[in-house]
Amino acid sequence: MTEIDINNSSVEESIIRVAPVELGIGSKNMLKDFVMSMMPKGGNLNFCFNCGACSSGCPASGLAGMDPRKFV
């Protein structure tokens, strides 16, 4: 068995904390509206190239069925 020293300061972890988004019940477009508000001016989700950049930074991408490329 391998032991890991959790007090090892040579390993750095970056965590970005974002306030929770209230999606509401029956509001299908609230997630899309939120994502669009965060995009640079003129951004268009229809121009997705499936590069996976959104998945690399999404905390939900590790959960089953939560691939941002599929639900955004």
Protein backbone atom coordinates (compact mmCIF):
# COMPACT_ATOMS: atom_id res chain seq x y z
CA MET A 1 0.00 0.00 0.00
CA THR A 2 1.26 3.50 -0.85
CA GLU A 3 1.14 6.23 1.75
CA ILE A 4 0.59 9.83 0.76
CA ASP A 5 1.77 12.70 2.94
CA ILE A 6 -1.11 15.19 2.87
CA ASN A 7 1.07 17.78 4.60
CA ASN A 8 3.52 17.84 1.69
CA SER A 9 3.69 21.49 0.64
CA SER A 10 5.21 20.67 -2.76
CA VAL A 11 1.77 19.79 -4.12
CA GLU A 12 -0.37 22.84 -4.85
CA GLU A 13 -4.08 22.75 -5.56
CA SER A 14 -6.03 25.50 -7.27
CA ILE A 15 -9.69 25.79 -6.38
CA ILE A 16 -12.00 28.31 -7.96
CA ARG A 17 -15.08 28.94 -5.87
CA VAL A 18 -18.22 30.07 -7.68
CA ALA A 19 -21.50 31.00 -6.02
CA PRO A 20 -24.30 28.45 -6.58
CA VAL A 21 -26.66 29.17 -9.45
CA GLU A 22 -30.38 29.06 -8.69
CA LEU A 23 -31.93 27.31 -11.68
CA GLY A 24 -35.55 27.30 -10.54
CA ILE A 25 -38.19 24.73 -11.37
CA GLY A 26 -39.54 24.69 -14.91
CA SER A 27 -37.00 27.26 -16.12
CA LYS A 28 -35.30 25.44 -18.97
CA ASN A 29 -33.18 28.34 -20.20
CA MET A 30 -31.76 29.64 -16.92
CA LEU A 31 -28.55 27.57 -17.18
CA LYS A 32 -28.00 28.65 -20.76
CA ASP A 33 -28.73 32.28 -19.85
CA PHE A 34 -26.22 32.09 -17.00
CA VAL A 35 -23.53 30.57 -19.23
CA MET A 36 -24.20 33.16 -21.93
CA SER A 37 -23.86 35.98 -19.38
CA MET A 38 -20.39 34.68 -18.48
CA MET A 39 -19.19 34.47 -22.10
CA PRO A 40 -17.31 37.30 -23.80
CA LYS A 41 -19.47 39.70 -25.81
CA GLY A 42 -20.51 38.09 -29.06
CA GLY A 43 -19.96 34.55 -27.73
CA ASN A 44 -22.13 31.88 -29.27
CA LEU A 45 -22.65 28.38 -27.86
CA ASN A 46 -23.55 27.17 -31.34
CA PHE A 47 -19.89 27.55 -32.30
CA CYS A 48 -18.78 24.76 -29.96
CA PHE A 49 -15.87 22.79 -31.46
CA ASN A 50 -16.12 19.95 -28.89
CA CYS A 51 -12.56 20.70 -27.80
CA GLY A 52 -13.31 19.77 -24.18
CA ALA A 53 -11.99 23.02 -22.68
CA CYS A 54 -15.27 23.48 -20.80
CA SER A 55 -14.99 19.94 -19.38
CA SER A 56 -11.48 20.51 -18.07
CA GLY A 57 -12.62 23.34 -15.81
CA CYS A 58 -16.07 22.08 -14.87
CA PRO A 59 -16.38 20.58 -11.37
CA ALA A 60 -19.43 18.58 -12.47
CA SER A 61 -17.64 16.81 -15.33
CA GLY A 62 -16.45 14.03 -13.02
CA LEU A 63 -20.03 13.02 -12.26
CA ALA A 64 -21.85 10.46 -14.39
CA GLY A 65 -23.89 12.10 -17.14
CA MET A 66 -22.60 15.60 -16.40
CA ASP A 67 -20.45 16.32 -19.46
CA PRO A 68 -20.81 20.07 -20.15
CA ARG A 69 -20.38 19.43 -23.88
CA LYS A 70 -23.67 17.52 -23.78
CA PHE A 71 -25.85 19.65 -21.50
CA VAL A 72 -24.76 23.19 -22.41
